[in-house]
C-alpha cells in the first residue's frame, strides 16, 4: 500500500485569530494530508521560512501589513 503524499503548507497572516484558526483546522483533520510546517505573521518571515522549509503551498493573506500596495 502506497503512502499518501503529505502537502506541506506555510500559513502567513498578520491576524493571530485567522492564523490560529487555519492552523488548528488543518491540524485537527489529519485525513486531509496537510502538514503545517510554519505559521508566520510578516513578509520577511514568510520569505525566510519559505526558503528554509520549501513548502508545497504558501497560504498568504493578500492584505498583509508590510507589503507594498
C-alpha atoms as a PDB file:
ATOM      1  CA  UNK A   1       0.000   0.000   0.000  1.00  0.00           C
ATOM      2  CA  UNK A   2       1.452   3.362  -1.046  1.00  0.00           C
ATOM      3  CA  UNK A   3       1.815   6.111   1.494  1.00  0.00           C
ATOM      4  CA  UNK A   4      -0.363   9.172   0.920  1.00  0.00           C
ATOM      5  CA  UNK A   5       1.519  12.326  -0.053  1.00  0.00           C
ATOM      6  CA  UNK A   6       1.553  14.992   2.611  1.00  0.00           C
ATOM      7  CA  UNK A   7       1.143  18.568   1.414  1.00  0.00           C
ATOM      8  CA  UNK A   8       3.499  20.855   3.323  1.00  0.00           C
ATOM      9  CA  UNK A   9       1.970  24.292   3.997  1.00  0.00           C
ATOM     10  CA  UNK A  10       3.204  27.629   5.353  1.00  0.00           C
ATOM     11  CA  UNK A  11       0.477  29.927   6.729  1.00  0.00           C
ATOM     12  CA  UNK A  12       1.140  33.678   6.520  1.00  0.00           C
ATOM     13  CA  UNK A  13      -1.336  36.043   8.162  1.00  0.00           C
ATOM     14  CA  UNK A  14      -0.933  39.101  10.386  1.00  0.00           C
ATOM     15  CA  UNK A  15      -4.207  38.451  12.223  1.00  0.00           C
ATOM     16  CA  UNK A  16      -3.487  35.995  15.056  1.00  0.00           C
ATOM     17  CA  UNK A  17      -7.063  34.699  15.142  1.00  0.00           C
ATOM     18  CA  UNK A  18      -7.042  33.798  11.439  1.00  0.00           C
ATOM     19  CA  UNK A  19      -3.566  32.272  11.644  1.00  0.00           C
ATOM     20  CA  UNK A  20      -4.553  30.167  14.661  1.00  0.00           C
ATOM     21  CA  UNK A  21      -7.881  29.086  13.154  1.00  0.00           C
ATOM     22  CA  UNK A  22      -6.335  27.984   9.848  1.00  0.00           C
ATOM     23  CA  UNK A  23      -3.549  26.086  11.556  1.00  0.00           C
ATOM     24  CA  UNK A  24      -5.910  24.416  14.032  1.00  0.00           C
ATOM     25  CA  UNK A  25      -8.356  23.444  11.286  1.00  0.00           C
ATOM     26  CA  UNK A  26      -5.710  21.682   9.227  1.00  0.00           C
ATOM     27  CA  UNK A  27      -4.077  20.021  12.230  1.00  0.00           C
ATOM     28  CA  UNK A  28      -7.463  18.777  13.508  1.00  0.00           C
ATOM     29  CA  UNK A  29      -8.124  16.960  10.217  1.00  0.00           C
ATOM     30  CA  UNK A  30      -5.122  14.694   9.523  1.00  0.00           C
ATOM     31  CA  UNK A  31      -7.110  12.844   6.859  1.00  0.00           C
ATOM     32  CA  UNK A  32      -6.580  15.906   4.622  1.00  0.00           C
ATOM     33  CA  UNK A  33      -2.876  15.117   4.427  1.00  0.00           C
ATOM     34  CA  UNK A  34      -1.804  18.679   5.226  1.00  0.00           C
ATOM     35  CA  UNK A  35       1.188  19.410   7.427  1.00  0.00           C
ATOM     36  CA  UNK A  36       1.635  22.983   8.671  1.00  0.00           C
ATOM     37  CA  UNK A  37       5.409  23.423   8.591  1.00  0.00           C
ATOM     38  CA  UNK A  38       5.322  27.044   9.771  1.00  0.00           C
ATOM     39  CA  UNK A  39       2.967  29.850  10.635  1.00  0.00           C
ATOM     40  CA  UNK A  40       4.273  33.421  10.427  1.00  0.00           C
ATOM     41  CA  UNK A  41       2.866  36.936  10.508  1.00  0.00           C
ATOM     42  CA  UNK A  42       5.019  39.167   8.305  1.00  0.00           C
ATOM     43  CA  UNK A  43       6.505  39.251   4.785  1.00  0.00           C
ATOM     44  CA  UNK A  44      10.153  38.955   5.851  1.00  0.00           C
ATOM     45  CA  UNK A  45       9.431  35.883   7.967  1.00  0.00           C
ATOM     46  CA  UNK A  46       7.363  34.409   5.130  1.00  0.00           C
ATOM     47  CA  UNK A  47      10.266  34.678   2.693  1.00  0.00           C
ATOM     48  CA  UNK A  48      12.764  33.268   5.192  1.00  0.00           C
ATOM     49  CA  UNK A  49      10.626  30.289   6.227  1.00  0.00           C
ATOM     50  CA  UNK A  50       9.674  29.533   2.621  1.00  0.00           C
ATOM     51  CA  UNK A  51      13.334  29.441   1.592  1.00  0.00           C
ATOM     52  CA  UNK A  52      14.183  27.234   4.563  1.00  0.00           C
ATOM     53  CA  UNK A  53      11.217  24.826   4.563  1.00  0.00           C
ATOM     54  CA  UNK A  54      10.439  24.637   0.825  1.00  0.00           C
ATOM     55  CA  UNK A  55       6.683  24.045   1.333  1.00  0.00           C
ATOM     56  CA  UNK A  56       4.334  22.790  -1.370  1.00  0.00           C
ATOM     57  CA  UNK A  57       1.882  25.638  -0.639  1.00  0.00           C
ATOM     58  CA  UNK A  58       2.120  29.106   0.921  1.00  0.00           C
ATOM     59  CA  UNK A  59      -1.280  30.252   2.177  1.00  0.00           C
ATOM     60  CA  UNK A  60      -0.852  34.033   2.422  1.00  0.00           C
ATOM     61  CA  UNK A  61      -3.099  36.939   3.393  1.00  0.00           C
ATOM     62  CA  UNK A  62      -3.304  39.299   0.383  1.00  0.00           C
ATOM     63  CA  UNK A  63      -3.573  42.372   2.623  1.00  0.00           C
ATOM     64  CA  UNK A  64      -0.551  41.558   4.764  1.00  0.00           C
ATOM     65  CA  UNK A  65       0.968  44.505   6.638  1.00  0.00           C
ATOM     66  CA  UNK A  66       4.336  45.414   5.211  1.00  0.00           C
ATOM     67  CA  UNK A  67       3.573  44.512   1.601  1.00  0.00           C
ATOM     68  CA  UNK A  68       3.579  47.340  -0.915  1.00  0.00           C
ATOM     69  CA  UNK A  69       0.095  48.241  -2.132  1.00  0.00           C
END
